[in-house]
Amino acid sequence: TRADVESDLRMWIEPKTVVGVAGQEIVLGVYAQYDGDSPISGLKFAVKADDNVALSVSEFEYERPFRGKAKLTEIALAPRMAGEYFVSVLDESVSYVGPEAKVITGSSKLIIK
């Protein structure tokens, strides 16, 4: 039956690739998609940035129940020097209240000049 099938909880950061300048703030959005039969709530997660990227807050909570696509939060980053960096949702940090789901996370690439 459909109830026996595990749904996916997908979490990602947009835009997928950002070109910026060292010392200049970059704002990214964190999104989730969940298509299970009933909503999930109390979503908690952490975001990690590579070294040389200052991240103002790294742990987040999205209290509202949701199903479908939701914008969870915006994150502000400040790359300190030129280079290529990644910002990722840490899959092992994800917790929520609701049916069992397979957690799939993504990242964003920063190209800093």
C-alpha atoms as a PDB file:
ATOM      1  CA  THR A   1       0.000   0.000   0.000  1.00  0.00           C
ATOM      2  CA  ARG A   2       0.955   3.635  -0.351  1.00  0.00           C
ATOM      3  CA  ALA A   3       1.324   3.968   3.438  1.00  0.00           C
ATOM      4  CA  ASP A   4       4.141   1.412   3.371  1.00  0.00           C
ATOM      5  CA  VAL A   5       6.211   3.477   0.937  1.00  0.00           C
ATOM      6  CA  GLU A   6       8.729   5.810   2.563  1.00  0.00           C
ATOM      7  CA  SER A   7       8.517   9.388   1.279  1.00  0.00           C
ATOM      8  CA  ASP A   8      11.499  11.637   0.599  1.00  0.00           C
ATOM      9  CA  LEU A   9      12.252  14.807   2.541  1.00  0.00           C
ATOM     10  CA  ARG A  10      14.438  16.853   0.203  1.00  0.00           C
ATOM     11  CA  MET A  11      16.315  19.892   1.518  1.00  0.00           C
ATOM     12  CA  TRP A  12      18.478  22.195  -0.562  1.00  0.00           C
ATOM     13  CA  ILE A  13      19.973  25.674  -0.833  1.00  0.00           C
ATOM     14  CA  GLU A  14      19.275  28.182  -3.631  1.00  0.00           C
ATOM     15  CA  PRO A  15      20.740  29.444  -5.770  1.00  0.00           C
ATOM     16  CA  LYS A  16      22.767  26.347  -6.616  1.00  0.00           C
ATOM     17  CA  THR A  17      25.778  28.428  -7.676  1.00  0.00           C
ATOM     18  CA  VAL A  18      26.648  31.984  -6.609  1.00  0.00           C
ATOM     19  CA  VAL A  19      29.445  34.225  -7.833  1.00  0.00           C
ATOM     20  CA  GLY A  20      30.479  36.832  -5.278  1.00  0.00           C
ATOM     21  CA  VAL A  21      33.253  39.032  -3.954  1.00  0.00           C
ATOM     22  CA  ALA A  22      35.314  38.396  -0.809  1.00  0.00           C
ATOM     23  CA  GLY A  23      33.977  40.376   2.144  1.00  0.00           C
ATOM     24  CA  GLN A  24      30.566  40.936   0.521  1.00  0.00           C
ATOM     25  CA  GLU A  25      27.492  39.361   2.162  1.00  0.00           C
ATOM     26  CA  ILE A  26      25.635  36.656   0.224  1.00  0.00           C
ATOM     27  CA  VAL A  27      22.069  35.642   1.110  1.00  0.00           C
ATOM     28  CA  LEU A  28      20.846  32.144   0.229  1.00  0.00           C
ATOM     29  CA  GLY A  29      17.483  30.442   0.724  1.00  0.00           C
ATOM     30  CA  VAL A  30      16.985  27.034   2.336  1.00  0.00           C
ATOM     31  CA  TYR A  31      14.070  24.985   0.962  1.00  0.00           C
ATOM     32  CA  ALA A  32      12.386  21.663   1.640  1.00  0.00           C
ATOM     33  CA  GLN A  33      10.053  19.412  -0.338  1.00  0.00           C
ATOM     34  CA  TYR A  34       7.973  16.695   1.292  1.00  0.00           C
ATOM     35  CA  ASP A  35       5.210  14.812  -0.522  1.00  0.00           C
ATOM     36  CA  GLY A  36       4.078  12.326   2.099  1.00  0.00           C
ATOM     37  CA  ASP A  37       0.402  11.767   2.902  1.00  0.00           C
ATOM     38  CA  SER A  38       0.456  13.808   6.101  1.00  0.00           C
ATOM     39  CA  PRO A  39       2.468  16.940   6.949  1.00  0.00           C
ATOM     40  CA  ILE A  40       5.677  17.030   8.959  1.00  0.00           C
ATOM     41  CA  SER A  41       6.453  19.657  11.603  1.00  0.00           C
ATOM     42  CA  GLY A  42       9.110  20.753  14.076  1.00  0.00           C
ATOM     43  CA  LEU A  43      11.818  20.517  11.409  1.00  0.00           C
ATOM     44  CA  LYS A  44      15.302  21.143  12.827  1.00  0.00           C
ATOM     45  CA  PHE A  45      18.477  21.229  10.770  1.00  0.00           C
ATOM     46  CA  ALA A  46      21.987  22.617  10.573  1.00  0.00           C
ATOM     47  CA  VAL A  47      23.814  24.325   7.743  1.00  0.00           C
ATOM     48  CA  LYS A  48      27.589  24.100   7.380  1.00  0.00           C
ATOM     49  CA  ALA A  49      29.869  26.344   5.371  1.00  0.00           C
ATOM     50  CA  ASP A  50      33.450  25.589   4.368  1.00  0.00           C
ATOM     51  CA  ASP A  51      36.295  27.319   6.191  1.00  0.00           C
ATOM     52  CA  ASN A  52      36.774  30.984   5.236  1.00  0.00           C
ATOM     53  CA  VAL A  53      33.000  31.522   5.001  1.00  0.00           C
ATOM     54  CA  ALA A  54      31.397  33.191   8.024  1.00  0.00           C
ATOM     55  CA  LEU A  55      27.872  31.912   8.652  1.00  0.00           C
ATOM     56  CA  SER A  56      25.781  34.062  11.011  1.00  0.00           C
ATOM     57  CA  VAL A  57      23.552  31.227  12.307  1.00  0.00           C
ATOM     58  CA  SER A  58      24.113  27.537  11.671  1.00  0.00           C
ATOM     59  CA  GLU A  59      21.201  25.784  13.414  1.00  0.00           C
ATOM     60  CA  PHE A  60      17.591  26.362  12.425  1.00  0.00           C
ATOM     61  CA  GLU A  61      14.066  25.335  13.360  1.00  0.00           C
ATOM     62  CA  TYR A  62      10.951  25.492  11.170  1.00  0.00           C
ATOM     63  CA  GLU A  63       7.935  24.945  13.424  1.00  0.00           C
ATOM     64  CA  ARG A  64       5.051  25.154  10.939  1.00  0.00           C
ATOM     65  CA  PRO A  65       3.628  21.876   9.628  1.00  0.00           C
ATOM     66  CA  PHE A  66       4.096  21.548   5.866  1.00  0.00           C
ATOM     67  CA  ARG A  67       3.625  19.293   2.888  1.00  0.00           C
ATOM     68  CA  GLY A  68       4.871  20.139  -0.598  1.00  0.00           C
ATOM     69  CA  LYS A  69       7.548  22.817  -1.025  1.00  0.00           C
ATOM     70  CA  ALA A  70       8.426  25.305   1.729  1.00  0.00           C
ATOM     71  CA  LYS A  71      11.021  28.053   2.076  1.00  0.00           C
ATOM     72  CA  LEU A  72      12.496  27.347   5.503  1.00  0.00           C
ATOM     73  CA  THR A  73      14.798  30.305   6.053  1.00  0.00           C
ATOM     74  CA  GLU A  74      17.387  32.620   4.537  1.00  0.00           C
ATOM     75  CA  ILE A  75      21.026  32.449   5.547  1.00  0.00           C
ATOM     76  CA  ALA A  76      23.595  35.236   5.377  1.00  0.00           C
ATOM     77  CA  LEU A  77      27.190  34.348   4.552  1.00  0.00           C
ATOM     78  CA  ALA A  78      30.359  36.392   4.347  1.00  0.00           C
ATOM     79  CA  PRO A  79      33.191  34.740   2.365  1.00  0.00           C
ATOM     80  CA  ARG A  80      36.512  36.018   3.707  1.00  0.00           C
ATOM     81  CA  MET A  81      38.733  35.345   0.695  1.00  0.00           C
ATOM     82  CA  ALA A  82      38.710  34.314  -2.961  1.00  0.00           C
ATOM     83  CA  GLY A  83      38.116  30.656  -3.771  1.00  0.00           C
ATOM     84  CA  GLU A  84      35.394  28.043  -4.246  1.00  0.00           C
ATOM     85  CA  TYR A  85      33.337  27.013  -1.227  1.00  0.00           C
ATOM     86  CA  PHE A  86      30.288  24.907  -0.427  1.00  0.00           C
ATOM     87  CA  VAL A  87      27.389  25.536   1.909  1.00  0.00           C
ATOM     88  CA  SER A  88      25.387  22.415   2.785  1.00  0.00           C
ATOM     89  CA  VAL A  89      22.434  21.191   4.799  1.00  0.00           C
ATOM     90  CA  LEU A  90      23.881  18.492   7.077  1.00  0.00           C
ATOM     91  CA  ASP A  91      21.713  15.407   6.589  1.00  0.00           C
ATOM     92  CA  GLU A  92      22.685  13.935   9.962  1.00  0.00           C
ATOM     93  CA  SER A  93      21.355  17.105  11.664  1.00  0.00           C
ATOM     94  CA  VAL A  94      17.811  16.822  10.280  1.00  0.00           C
ATOM     95  CA  SER A  95      15.019  15.914  12.707  1.00  0.00           C
ATOM     96  CA  TYR A  96      11.239  16.420  12.577  1.00  0.00           C
ATOM     97  CA  VAL A  97       7.899  15.174  13.831  1.00  0.00           C
ATOM     98  CA  GLY A  98       6.001  13.045  11.318  1.00  0.00           C
ATOM     99  CA  PRO A  99       6.119   9.870   9.253  1.00  0.00           C
ATOM    100  CA  GLU A 100       9.459   8.221   8.476  1.00  0.00           C
ATOM    101  CA  ALA A 101      11.113   9.786   5.424  1.00  0.00           C
ATOM    102  CA  LYS A 102      14.360   9.403   3.537  1.00  0.00           C
ATOM    103  CA  VAL A 103      16.323  12.651   4.005  1.00  0.00           C
ATOM    104  CA  ILE A 104      18.101  13.932   0.887  1.00  0.00           C
ATOM    105  CA  THR A 105      20.135  17.129   1.223  1.00  0.00           C
ATOM    106  CA  GLY A 106      21.895  19.430  -1.204  1.00  0.00           C
ATOM    107  CA  SER A 107      24.435  22.219  -1.227  1.00  0.00           C
ATOM    108  CA  SER A 108      25.252  25.512  -2.898  1.00  0.00           C
ATOM    109  CA  LYS A 109      28.592  26.387  -4.480  1.00  0.00           C
ATOM    110  CA  LEU A 110      30.129  29.811  -3.859  1.00  0.00           C
ATOM    111  CA  ILE A 111      32.634  31.115  -6.384  1.00  0.00           C
ATOM    112  CA  ILE A 112      34.366  34.046  -4.714  1.00  0.00           C
ATOM    113  CA  LYS A 113      36.612  36.437  -6.642  1.00  0.00           C
END
